[in-house]
Amino acid sequence: MAFCILIFKKEENESFARYNFMACEFKDTDKEHGVLEINKENGEITLIKAADYDEKKHFYQRASYKILTHWKNGDLPDRTIWAS
C-alpha cells in the first residue's frame, strides 16, 4: 500500500510543535485531518486527534515518524510530506 501524507505545522511554542496531517487524496474533501504534537525537549509524540479514515493509525505512524526524523536532525519544518 502506498502512502502520501501532507504534514503542516499549525502551532508552536517553546515546549511543543503541533502538526495537522492528512492523506494527499483527501486534501480537498470534508474528511477530518489528524493532529499530532511533538515535545521539543524529548521528542515524545502524542496523537491529539486521529484522522477520520485512519482507524488503524497507519497515517499517524508515518506522519509521526517523519516529524521525529526532522526533530532528530534539529529541524521542525512548517510543512513536509511522507511519500512511499
N, C-alpha and C. Protein backbone atom coordinates (compact mmCIF):
# COMPACT_ATOMS: atom_id res chain seq x y z
N MET A 1 0.84 -1.18 0.00
CA MET A 1 0.00 0.00 0.00
C MET A 1 0.88 1.24 0.00
N ALA A 2 0.63 2.16 -0.90
CA ALA A 2 1.39 3.41 -0.98
C ALA A 2 0.74 4.47 -0.10
N PHE A 3 1.56 5.35 0.42
CA PHE A 3 1.08 6.43 1.28
C PHE A 3 1.62 7.76 0.79
N CYS A 4 0.76 8.76 0.79
CA CYS A 4 1.16 10.15 0.56
C CYS A 4 0.46 10.95 1.66
N ILE A 5 1.26 11.58 2.51
CA ILE A 5 0.71 12.29 3.66
C ILE A 5 1.27 13.70 3.69
N LEU A 6 0.38 14.68 3.70
CA LEU A 6 0.75 16.08 3.83
C LEU A 6 0.79 16.42 5.32
N ILE A 7 1.83 17.13 5.75
CA ILE A 7 2.02 17.44 7.17
C ILE A 7 2.31 18.94 7.27
N PHE A 8 1.49 19.66 8.05
CA PHE A 8 1.60 21.11 8.17
C PHE A 8 1.67 21.52 9.64
N LYS A 9 2.64 22.37 9.98
CA LYS A 9 2.72 22.90 11.34
C LYS A 9 1.59 23.90 11.55
N LYS A 10 0.84 23.74 12.64
CA LYS A 10 -0.27 24.64 12.94
C LYS A 10 0.00 25.52 14.15
N GLU A 11 0.87 25.07 15.04
CA GLU A 11 1.12 25.82 16.27
C GLU A 11 2.49 25.44 16.80
N GLU A 12 3.16 26.40 17.42
CA GLU A 12 4.47 26.11 18.01
C GLU A 12 4.72 27.10 19.15
N ASN A 13 5.32 26.58 20.21
CA ASN A 13 5.81 27.44 21.29
C ASN A 13 7.13 26.87 21.78
N GLU A 14 7.61 27.29 22.93
CA GLU A 14 8.91 26.83 23.42
C GLU A 14 8.91 25.34 23.74
N SER A 15 7.74 24.79 24.08
CA SER A 15 7.65 23.41 24.56
C SER A 15 7.29 22.38 23.49
N PHE A 16 6.44 22.76 22.54
CA PHE A 16 5.94 21.78 21.58
C PHE A 16 5.68 22.41 20.23
N ALA A 17 5.52 21.53 19.24
CA ALA A 17 5.03 21.92 17.92
C ALA A 17 3.85 20.99 17.60
N ARG A 18 2.79 21.56 17.08
CA ARG A 18 1.59 20.79 16.75
C ARG A 18 1.41 20.79 15.23
N TYR A 19 1.14 19.60 14.69
CA TYR A 19 1.02 19.41 13.24
C TYR A 19 -0.32 18.79 12.87
N ASN A 20 -0.88 19.24 11.77
CA ASN A 20 -2.00 18.57 11.11
C ASN A 20 -1.42 17.64 10.07
N PHE A 21 -2.05 16.49 9.88
CA PHE A 21 -1.63 15.58 8.82
C PHE A 21 -2.85 15.02 8.11
N MET A 22 -2.70 14.78 6.80
CA MET A 22 -3.81 14.26 6.02
C MET A 22 -3.29 13.50 4.81
N ALA A 23 -4.06 12.52 4.39
CA ALA A 23 -3.73 11.79 3.17
C ALA A 23 -3.88 12.74 1.99
N CYS A 24 -2.95 12.68 1.06
CA CYS A 24 -2.97 13.58 -0.11
C CYS A 24 -4.31 13.51 -0.85
N GLU A 25 -4.87 12.31 -0.95
CA GLU A 25 -6.11 12.17 -1.72
C GLU A 25 -7.32 12.80 -1.02
N PHE A 26 -7.19 13.15 0.27
CA PHE A 26 -8.32 13.75 1.00
C PHE A 26 -8.14 15.24 1.27
N LYS A 27 -7.12 15.87 0.66
CA LYS A 27 -6.84 17.27 0.99
C LYS A 27 -7.96 18.22 0.58
N ASP A 28 -8.72 17.91 -0.43
CA ASP A 28 -9.80 18.78 -0.89
C ASP A 28 -11.18 18.22 -0.58
N THR A 29 -11.28 17.48 0.51
CA THR A 29 -12.57 16.89 0.90
C THR A 29 -12.93 17.37 2.31
N ASP A 30 -14.07 16.93 2.78
CA ASP A 30 -14.53 17.28 4.13
C ASP A 30 -14.00 16.31 5.19
N LYS A 31 -13.19 15.36 4.80
CA LYS A 31 -12.63 14.41 5.77
C LYS A 31 -11.79 15.17 6.79
N GLU A 32 -11.93 14.80 8.04
CA GLU A 32 -11.16 15.45 9.11
C GLU A 32 -9.72 14.99 9.10
N HIS A 33 -8.80 15.93 9.24
CA HIS A 33 -7.38 15.62 9.30
C HIS A 33 -7.01 15.16 10.71
N GLY A 34 -5.82 14.61 10.84
CA GLY A 34 -5.31 14.22 12.15
C GLY A 34 -4.44 15.33 12.73
N VAL A 35 -4.22 15.27 14.03
CA VAL A 35 -3.38 16.25 14.71
C VAL A 35 -2.43 15.51 15.64
N LEU A 36 -1.14 15.85 15.55
CA LEU A 36 -0.14 15.29 16.46
C LEU A 36 0.68 16.42 17.04
N GLU A 37 1.33 16.11 18.15
CA GLU A 37 2.15 17.10 18.84
C GLU A 37 3.48 16.47 19.22
N ILE A 38 4.58 17.21 19.04
CA ILE A 38 5.89 16.72 19.43
C ILE A 38 6.44 17.61 20.54
N ASN A 39 6.94 16.96 21.58
CA ASN A 39 7.61 17.64 22.68
C ASN A 39 9.00 18.02 22.18
N LYS A 40 9.32 19.30 22.17
CA LYS A 40 10.58 19.77 21.61
C LYS A 40 11.79 19.37 22.45
N GLU A 41 11.57 19.11 23.73
CA GLU A 41 12.68 18.75 24.60
C GLU A 41 13.11 17.29 24.45
N ASN A 42 12.13 16.37 24.39
CA ASN A 42 12.48 14.95 24.40
C ASN A 42 12.03 14.18 23.15
N GLY A 43 11.33 14.82 22.22
CA GLY A 43 10.90 14.15 21.00
C GLY A 43 9.67 13.27 21.15
N GLU A 44 9.05 13.25 22.31
CA GLU A 44 7.86 12.42 22.51
C GLU A 44 6.72 12.97 21.66
N ILE A 45 6.06 12.07 20.94
CA ILE A 45 4.96 12.47 20.06
C ILE A 45 3.65 11.93 20.61
N THR A 46 2.63 12.79 20.60
CA THR A 46 1.31 12.43 21.10
C THR A 46 0.28 12.64 20.00
N LEU A 47 -0.59 11.67 19.83
CA LEU A 47 -1.70 11.81 18.91
C LEU A 47 -2.79 12.62 19.61
N ILE A 48 -3.10 13.78 19.08
CA ILE A 48 -4.15 14.63 19.65
C ILE A 48 -5.51 14.24 19.07
N LYS A 49 -5.54 14.00 17.76
CA LYS A 49 -6.79 13.62 17.09
C LYS A 49 -6.46 12.77 15.88
N ALA A 50 -7.08 11.62 15.78
CA ALA A 50 -6.88 10.75 14.62
C ALA A 50 -7.67 11.28 13.42
N ALA A 51 -7.15 11.06 12.24
CA ALA A 51 -7.88 11.41 11.02
C ALA A 51 -9.08 10.47 10.89
N ASP A 52 -10.15 10.97 10.25
CA ASP A 52 -11.38 10.18 10.09
C ASP A 52 -11.14 8.80 9.49
N TYR A 53 -10.24 8.71 8.55
CA TYR A 53 -10.03 7.50 7.75
C TYR A 53 -8.85 6.67 8.26
N ASP A 54 -8.35 6.97 9.44
CA ASP A 54 -7.11 6.33 9.94
C ASP A 54 -7.38 5.42 11.14
N GLU A 55 -8.32 4.49 10.97
CA GLU A 55 -8.71 3.61 12.07
C GLU A 55 -7.53 2.80 12.62
N LYS A 56 -6.64 2.39 11.76
CA LYS A 56 -5.50 1.55 12.19
C LYS A 56 -4.25 2.38 12.48
N LYS A 57 -4.34 3.68 12.41
CA LYS A 57 -3.26 4.63 12.74
C LYS A 57 -2.06 4.53 11.80
N HIS A 58 -2.24 4.04 10.60
CA HIS A 58 -1.14 3.95 9.63
C HIS A 58 -0.64 5.33 9.22
N PHE A 59 -1.57 6.26 9.01
CA PHE A 59 -1.17 7.62 8.62
C PHE A 59 -0.48 8.33 9.78
N TYR A 60 -1.01 8.18 10.98
CA TYR A 60 -0.39 8.77 12.16
C TYR A 60 1.03 8.24 12.37
N GLN A 61 1.22 6.93 12.25
CA GLN A 61 2.55 6.34 12.46
C GLN A 61 3.56 6.93 11.49
N ARG A 62 3.19 7.08 10.25
CA ARG A 62 4.12 7.60 9.25
C ARG A 62 4.36 9.10 9.43
N ALA A 63 3.31 9.85 9.72
CA ALA A 63 3.48 11.29 9.95
C ALA A 63 4.34 11.54 11.18
N SER A 64 4.12 10.79 12.25
CA SER A 64 4.91 10.99 13.46
C SER A 64 6.37 10.59 13.24
N TYR A 65 6.61 9.53 12.49
CA TYR A 65 7.98 9.13 12.19
C TYR A 65 8.70 10.22 11.39
N LYS A 66 7.99 10.82 10.43
CA LYS A 66 8.58 11.88 9.61
C LYS A 66 8.95 13.09 10.47
N ILE A 67 8.06 13.50 11.37
CA ILE A 67 8.33 14.64 12.24
C ILE A 67 9.45 14.30 13.22
N LEU A 68 9.47 13.10 13.76
CA LEU A 68 10.54 12.69 14.67
C LEU A 68 11.89 12.71 13.97
N THR A 69 11.94 12.29 12.72
CA THR A 69 13.18 12.32 11.94
C THR A 69 13.67 13.76 11.77
N HIS A 70 12.76 14.66 11.46
CA HIS A 70 13.14 16.08 11.36
C HIS A 70 13.67 16.59 12.70
N TRP A 71 12.96 16.26 13.79
CA TRP A 71 13.37 16.71 15.13
C TRP A 71 14.78 16.21 15.47
N LYS A 72 15.06 14.96 15.15
CA LYS A 72 16.40 14.40 15.42
C LYS A 72 17.48 15.14 14.63
N ASN A 73 17.11 15.72 13.50
CA ASN A 73 18.05 16.50 12.68
C ASN A 73 18.06 17.97 13.07
N GLY A 74 17.37 18.31 14.17
CA GLY A 74 17.36 19.68 14.66
C GLY A 74 16.44 20.62 13.91
N ASP A 75 15.42 20.08 13.26
CA ASP A 75 14.54 20.87 12.41
C ASP A 75 13.09 20.50 12.67
N LEU A 76 12.22 21.49 12.76
CA LEU A 76 10.77 21.27 12.79
C LEU A 76 10.17 22.16 11.70
N PRO A 77 10.05 21.62 10.49
CA PRO A 77 9.64 22.44 9.34
C PRO A 77 8.17 22.87 9.40
N ASP A 78 7.84 23.90 8.66
CA ASP A 78 6.45 24.36 8.58
C ASP A 78 5.59 23.36 7.80
N ARG A 79 6.22 22.66 6.87
CA ARG A 79 5.48 21.62 6.13
C ARG A 79 6.45 20.58 5.62
N THR A 80 5.94 19.38 5.49
CA THR A 80 6.74 18.28 4.95
C THR A 80 5.74 17.26 4.37
N ILE A 81 6.28 16.21 3.80
CA ILE A 81 5.42 15.19 3.18
C ILE A 81 6.05 13.82 3.38
N TRP A 82 5.20 12.83 3.57
CA TRP A 82 5.62 11.44 3.58
C TRP A 82 5.12 10.84 2.29
N ALA A 83 5.98 10.22 1.53
CA ALA A 83 5.58 9.54 0.30
C ALA A 83 6.30 8.20 0.24
N SER A 84 5.52 7.15 0.09
CA SER A 84 6.11 5.81 -0.03
C SER A 84 5.27 4.94 -0.92
